[in-house]
Amino acid sequence: MATISIPLPSSEEPHLVQTTQLEGQSYIFEFNWNSRNDRWTLHLSNSDGTAILDGAILCIGVELLRTVPSTLAYVPPGLLYLVGGIDPTLETIGNVSLMYSESTV
């Protein structure tokens, strides 16, 4: 089971859209800084545009895919979570890492 780090946006670029390969499938990650509640959010979809997460708040230690049935074919089968010292702010986004641990099945 491999664990990979997924690139995050920077405080200079508070919006980032990227395509990332997870276990042989392409997924679209869209990160946004929400200045209203001072939090980073994530929109995740598969390569066809089917939404998997919509506006999930990035928090340390929370498994982001926990509320999505992993039995759905378009959902990454592994674990997606943020690690670091504290929940990221606009200025501290560089102090955390978004990690994906591949499925063991």
N, C-alpha and C. Protein backbone atom coordinates (compact mmCIF):
# COMPACT_ATOMS: atom_id res chain seq x y z
N MET A 1 0.85 -1.17 0.00
CA MET A 1 0.00 0.00 0.00
C MET A 1 0.90 1.24 0.00
N ALA A 2 0.81 2.02 -1.05
CA ALA A 2 1.61 3.23 -1.18
C ALA A 2 0.83 4.45 -0.69
N THR A 3 1.57 5.43 -0.21
CA THR A 3 0.98 6.71 0.19
C THR A 3 1.63 7.79 -0.64
N ILE A 4 0.80 8.66 -1.23
CA ILE A 4 1.34 9.75 -2.05
C ILE A 4 0.88 11.08 -1.48
N SER A 5 1.66 12.11 -1.77
CA SER A 5 1.33 13.48 -1.38
C SER A 5 0.74 14.20 -2.59
N ILE A 6 -0.39 14.86 -2.39
CA ILE A 6 -1.07 15.58 -3.46
C ILE A 6 -0.74 17.06 -3.33
N PRO A 7 -0.26 17.71 -4.39
CA PRO A 7 0.10 19.13 -4.30
C PRO A 7 -1.08 20.00 -3.87
N LEU A 8 -0.79 20.98 -3.03
CA LEU A 8 -1.78 21.93 -2.54
C LEU A 8 -1.52 23.31 -3.13
N PRO A 9 -2.52 24.20 -3.08
CA PRO A 9 -2.31 25.57 -3.57
C PRO A 9 -1.39 26.33 -2.63
N SER A 10 -1.13 27.58 -2.96
CA SER A 10 -0.30 28.43 -2.11
C SER A 10 -1.10 29.65 -1.68
N SER A 11 -0.57 30.39 -0.73
CA SER A 11 -1.26 31.60 -0.28
C SER A 11 -1.30 32.64 -1.40
N GLU A 12 -0.36 32.56 -2.34
CA GLU A 12 -0.35 33.50 -3.47
C GLU A 12 -1.36 33.10 -4.54
N GLU A 13 -1.76 31.85 -4.54
CA GLU A 13 -2.71 31.33 -5.53
C GLU A 13 -3.83 30.59 -4.78
N PRO A 14 -4.82 31.32 -4.25
CA PRO A 14 -5.84 30.70 -3.40
C PRO A 14 -6.91 29.90 -4.16
N HIS A 15 -6.64 29.59 -5.40
CA HIS A 15 -7.52 28.72 -6.19
C HIS A 15 -6.62 27.86 -7.06
N LEU A 16 -6.85 26.56 -7.03
CA LEU A 16 -6.03 25.65 -7.81
C LEU A 16 -6.89 24.50 -8.31
N VAL A 17 -6.78 24.21 -9.61
CA VAL A 17 -7.44 23.05 -10.20
C VAL A 17 -6.34 22.19 -10.81
N GLN A 18 -6.36 20.91 -10.48
CA GLN A 18 -5.35 20.01 -11.03
C GLN A 18 -5.94 18.62 -11.21
N THR A 19 -5.36 17.88 -12.12
CA THR A 19 -5.74 16.49 -12.33
C THR A 19 -4.65 15.62 -11.71
N THR A 20 -5.07 14.65 -10.92
CA THR A 20 -4.13 13.77 -10.22
C THR A 20 -4.53 12.32 -10.43
N GLN A 21 -3.56 11.47 -10.68
CA GLN A 21 -3.79 10.03 -10.84
C GLN A 21 -3.77 9.36 -9.47
N LEU A 22 -4.83 8.61 -9.16
CA LEU A 22 -4.89 7.81 -7.95
C LEU A 22 -5.28 6.40 -8.34
N GLU A 23 -4.42 5.46 -8.10
CA GLU A 23 -4.67 4.05 -8.38
C GLU A 23 -5.15 3.82 -9.81
N GLY A 24 -4.49 4.49 -10.76
CA GLY A 24 -4.77 4.28 -12.17
C GLY A 24 -5.93 5.07 -12.75
N GLN A 25 -6.59 5.88 -11.94
CA GLN A 25 -7.71 6.70 -12.40
C GLN A 25 -7.37 8.18 -12.23
N SER A 26 -7.92 9.02 -13.11
CA SER A 26 -7.71 10.46 -13.02
C SER A 26 -8.83 11.11 -12.21
N TYR A 27 -8.44 12.03 -11.33
CA TYR A 27 -9.40 12.78 -10.52
C TYR A 27 -9.05 14.26 -10.60
N ILE A 28 -10.09 15.09 -10.56
CA ILE A 28 -9.90 16.54 -10.61
C ILE A 28 -10.05 17.09 -9.20
N PHE A 29 -8.99 17.72 -8.72
CA PHE A 29 -8.97 18.36 -7.41
C PHE A 29 -9.08 19.87 -7.62
N GLU A 30 -10.04 20.48 -6.97
CA GLU A 30 -10.19 21.93 -7.02
C GLU A 30 -10.15 22.46 -5.59
N PHE A 31 -9.14 23.28 -5.30
CA PHE A 31 -8.97 23.87 -3.98
C PHE A 31 -9.36 25.33 -4.04
N ASN A 32 -10.08 25.80 -3.03
CA ASN A 32 -10.49 27.20 -2.96
C ASN A 32 -10.33 27.74 -1.55
N TRP A 33 -9.88 28.96 -1.45
CA TRP A 33 -9.84 29.66 -0.18
C TRP A 33 -11.18 30.36 0.00
N ASN A 34 -11.87 30.06 1.10
CA ASN A 34 -13.15 30.68 1.41
C ASN A 34 -12.89 31.76 2.46
N SER A 35 -12.86 33.01 2.02
CA SER A 35 -12.53 34.11 2.93
C SER A 35 -13.66 34.40 3.92
N ARG A 36 -14.87 33.97 3.61
CA ARG A 36 -15.99 34.20 4.52
C ARG A 36 -15.81 33.43 5.83
N ASN A 37 -15.36 32.17 5.73
CA ASN A 37 -15.14 31.39 6.95
C ASN A 37 -13.67 31.06 7.21
N ASP A 38 -12.77 31.69 6.46
CA ASP A 38 -11.33 31.52 6.64
C ASP A 38 -10.91 30.05 6.62
N ARG A 39 -11.36 29.31 5.62
CA ARG A 39 -11.03 27.90 5.50
C ARG A 39 -10.77 27.54 4.04
N TRP A 40 -9.96 26.51 3.85
CA TRP A 40 -9.75 25.92 2.54
C TRP A 40 -10.81 24.86 2.29
N THR A 41 -11.31 24.81 1.06
CA THR A 41 -12.28 23.77 0.70
C THR A 41 -11.76 22.99 -0.51
N LEU A 42 -12.30 21.79 -0.65
CA LEU A 42 -11.91 20.89 -1.73
C LEU A 42 -13.15 20.42 -2.46
N HIS A 43 -13.11 20.52 -3.78
CA HIS A 43 -14.10 19.89 -4.64
C HIS A 43 -13.34 18.80 -5.38
N LEU A 44 -13.83 17.57 -5.30
CA LEU A 44 -13.19 16.44 -5.96
C LEU A 44 -14.18 15.79 -6.89
N SER A 45 -13.75 15.54 -8.11
CA SER A 45 -14.62 14.84 -9.08
C SER A 45 -13.78 13.86 -9.88
N ASN A 46 -14.47 12.92 -10.52
CA ASN A 46 -13.74 11.99 -11.39
C ASN A 46 -13.48 12.67 -12.72
N SER A 47 -12.82 11.99 -13.64
CA SER A 47 -12.44 12.60 -14.91
C SER A 47 -13.64 12.95 -15.79
N ASP A 48 -14.80 12.34 -15.53
CA ASP A 48 -16.02 12.66 -16.27
C ASP A 48 -16.76 13.85 -15.67
N GLY A 49 -16.30 14.35 -14.55
CA GLY A 49 -16.94 15.49 -13.89
C GLY A 49 -17.95 15.12 -12.83
N THR A 50 -18.10 13.83 -12.52
CA THR A 50 -19.02 13.40 -11.47
C THR A 50 -18.46 13.82 -10.12
N ALA A 51 -19.22 14.60 -9.37
CA ALA A 51 -18.76 15.10 -8.07
C ALA A 51 -18.65 13.98 -7.05
N ILE A 52 -17.55 13.99 -6.32
CA ILE A 52 -17.32 13.05 -5.23
C ILE A 52 -17.39 13.81 -3.91
N LEU A 53 -16.71 14.95 -3.84
CA LEU A 53 -16.78 15.87 -2.70
C LEU A 53 -17.08 17.25 -3.24
N ASP A 54 -17.88 18.01 -2.53
CA ASP A 54 -18.20 19.36 -2.98
C ASP A 54 -18.11 20.32 -1.80
N GLY A 55 -17.02 21.07 -1.74
CA GLY A 55 -16.84 22.05 -0.68
C GLY A 55 -16.43 21.45 0.65
N ALA A 56 -15.73 20.32 0.63
CA ALA A 56 -15.25 19.69 1.86
C ALA A 56 -14.19 20.60 2.50
N ILE A 57 -14.33 20.88 3.78
CA ILE A 57 -13.37 21.72 4.49
C ILE A 57 -12.14 20.89 4.82
N LEU A 58 -10.96 21.46 4.54
CA LEU A 58 -9.71 20.77 4.83
C LEU A 58 -9.37 20.91 6.30
N CYS A 59 -9.40 19.80 7.02
CA CYS A 59 -9.09 19.75 8.46
C CYS A 59 -8.08 18.65 8.71
N ILE A 60 -7.17 18.90 9.62
CA ILE A 60 -6.16 17.92 10.00
C ILE A 60 -6.85 16.68 10.59
N GLY A 61 -6.40 15.51 10.16
CA GLY A 61 -6.83 14.26 10.76
C GLY A 61 -8.21 13.76 10.35
N VAL A 62 -8.88 14.42 9.43
CA VAL A 62 -10.21 13.98 8.99
C VAL A 62 -10.06 13.22 7.68
N GLU A 63 -10.63 12.02 7.63
CA GLU A 63 -10.60 11.23 6.40
C GLU A 63 -11.67 11.82 5.49
N LEU A 64 -11.26 12.48 4.42
CA LEU A 64 -12.17 13.27 3.58
C LEU A 64 -13.19 12.43 2.82
N LEU A 65 -12.89 11.18 2.54
CA LEU A 65 -13.81 10.34 1.78
C LEU A 65 -14.72 9.51 2.70
N ARG A 66 -14.70 9.77 3.99
CA ARG A 66 -15.43 8.95 4.97
C ARG A 66 -16.93 8.91 4.74
N THR A 67 -17.51 9.94 4.15
CA THR A 67 -18.96 9.99 3.96
C THR A 67 -19.40 9.52 2.57
N VAL A 68 -18.44 9.13 1.74
CA VAL A 68 -18.74 8.70 0.37
C VAL A 68 -18.61 7.18 0.29
N PRO A 69 -19.64 6.49 -0.17
CA PRO A 69 -19.56 5.02 -0.26
C PRO A 69 -18.41 4.58 -1.17
N SER A 70 -17.48 3.84 -0.61
CA SER A 70 -16.31 3.40 -1.38
C SER A 70 -16.67 2.32 -2.40
N THR A 71 -17.90 1.83 -2.36
CA THR A 71 -18.34 0.82 -3.33
C THR A 71 -18.70 1.43 -4.67
N LEU A 72 -18.82 2.76 -4.74
CA LEU A 72 -19.10 3.42 -6.01
C LEU A 72 -17.85 3.38 -6.87
N ALA A 73 -18.00 2.98 -8.11
CA ALA A 73 -16.86 2.77 -9.00
C ALA A 73 -16.05 4.05 -9.26
N TYR A 74 -16.66 5.22 -9.15
CA TYR A 74 -15.96 6.46 -9.47
C TYR A 74 -15.27 7.10 -8.26
N VAL A 75 -15.33 6.47 -7.10
CA VAL A 75 -14.73 7.00 -5.88
C VAL A 75 -13.37 6.35 -5.66
N PRO A 76 -12.34 7.15 -5.33
CA PRO A 76 -11.04 6.54 -5.02
C PRO A 76 -11.19 5.56 -3.86
N PRO A 77 -10.62 4.36 -3.98
CA PRO A 77 -10.83 3.34 -2.96
C PRO A 77 -10.00 3.50 -1.69
N GLY A 78 -9.04 4.40 -1.69
CA GLY A 78 -8.15 4.56 -0.55
C GLY A 78 -8.62 5.63 0.43
N LEU A 79 -7.66 6.14 1.21
CA LEU A 79 -7.92 7.15 2.22
C LEU A 79 -7.32 8.48 1.79
N LEU A 80 -8.07 9.57 1.98
CA LEU A 80 -7.63 10.92 1.64
C LEU A 80 -7.70 11.78 2.90
N TYR A 81 -6.56 12.32 3.33
CA TYR A 81 -6.53 13.04 4.60
C TYR A 81 -5.42 14.09 4.60
N LEU A 82 -5.57 15.05 5.50
CA LEU A 82 -4.62 16.14 5.64
C LEU A 82 -3.77 15.91 6.89
N VAL A 83 -2.47 16.11 6.78
CA VAL A 83 -1.58 15.97 7.94
C VAL A 83 -0.79 17.26 8.13
N GLY A 84 -0.43 17.53 9.35
CA GLY A 84 0.34 18.72 9.69
C GLY A 84 0.01 19.15 11.11
N GLY A 85 0.48 20.32 11.47
CA GLY A 85 0.30 20.79 12.84
C GLY A 85 -1.09 21.29 13.17
N ILE A 86 -1.61 22.21 12.35
CA ILE A 86 -2.92 22.80 12.61
C ILE A 86 -3.69 22.92 11.30
N ASP A 87 -5.01 23.09 11.41
CA ASP A 87 -5.82 23.29 10.21
C ASP A 87 -5.26 24.47 9.41
N PRO A 88 -5.18 24.34 8.09
CA PRO A 88 -4.53 25.37 7.28
C PRO A 88 -5.34 26.65 7.16
N THR A 89 -4.63 27.76 7.25
CA THR A 89 -5.19 29.08 6.94
C THR A 89 -4.60 29.49 5.60
N LEU A 90 -4.96 30.66 5.13
CA LEU A 90 -4.41 31.14 3.86
C LEU A 90 -2.88 31.18 3.94
N GLU A 91 -2.35 31.65 5.06
CA GLU A 91 -0.91 31.81 5.21
C GLU A 91 -0.18 30.52 5.55
N THR A 92 -0.87 29.54 6.14
CA THR A 92 -0.18 28.33 6.62
C THR A 92 -0.44 27.09 5.76
N ILE A 93 -1.02 27.25 4.58
CA ILE A 93 -1.31 26.10 3.74
C ILE A 93 -0.04 25.31 3.40
N GLY A 94 1.09 25.97 3.37
CA GLY A 94 2.36 25.29 3.07
C GLY A 94 2.87 24.42 4.20
N ASN A 95 2.24 24.47 5.37
CA ASN A 95 2.68 23.69 6.53
C ASN A 95 1.95 22.37 6.67
N VAL A 96 1.05 22.06 5.74
CA VAL A 96 0.28 20.81 5.79
C VAL A 96 0.47 20.05 4.48
N SER A 97 0.08 18.78 4.50
CA SER A 97 0.16 17.95 3.30
C SER A 97 -1.13 17.17 3.15
N LEU A 98 -1.61 17.07 1.91
CA LEU A 98 -2.75 16.24 1.59
C LEU A 98 -2.21 14.89 1.13
N MET A 99 -2.62 13.84 1.82
CA MET A 99 -2.09 12.52 1.56
C MET A 99 -3.17 11.57 1.06
N TYR A 100 -2.77 10.63 0.21
CA TYR A 100 -3.67 9.58 -0.24
C TYR A 100 -2.98 8.25 0.00
N SER A 101 -3.63 7.38 0.78
CA SER A 101 -3.12 6.03 1.02
C SER A 101 -3.92 5.06 0.17
N GLU A 102 -3.22 4.33 -0.67
CA GLU A 102 -3.90 3.41 -1.57
C GLU A 102 -4.64 2.33 -0.83
N SER A 103 -5.67 1.80 -1.47
CA SER A 103 -6.49 0.73 -0.92
C SER A 103 -5.65 -0.54 -0.76
N THR A 104 -6.00 -1.32 0.25
CA THR A 104 -5.30 -2.59 0.47
C THR A 104 -6.03 -3.75 -0.18
N VAL A 105 -7.18 -3.47 -0.78
CA VAL A 105 -7.99 -4.53 -1.40
C VAL A 105 -7.58 -4.73 -2.84
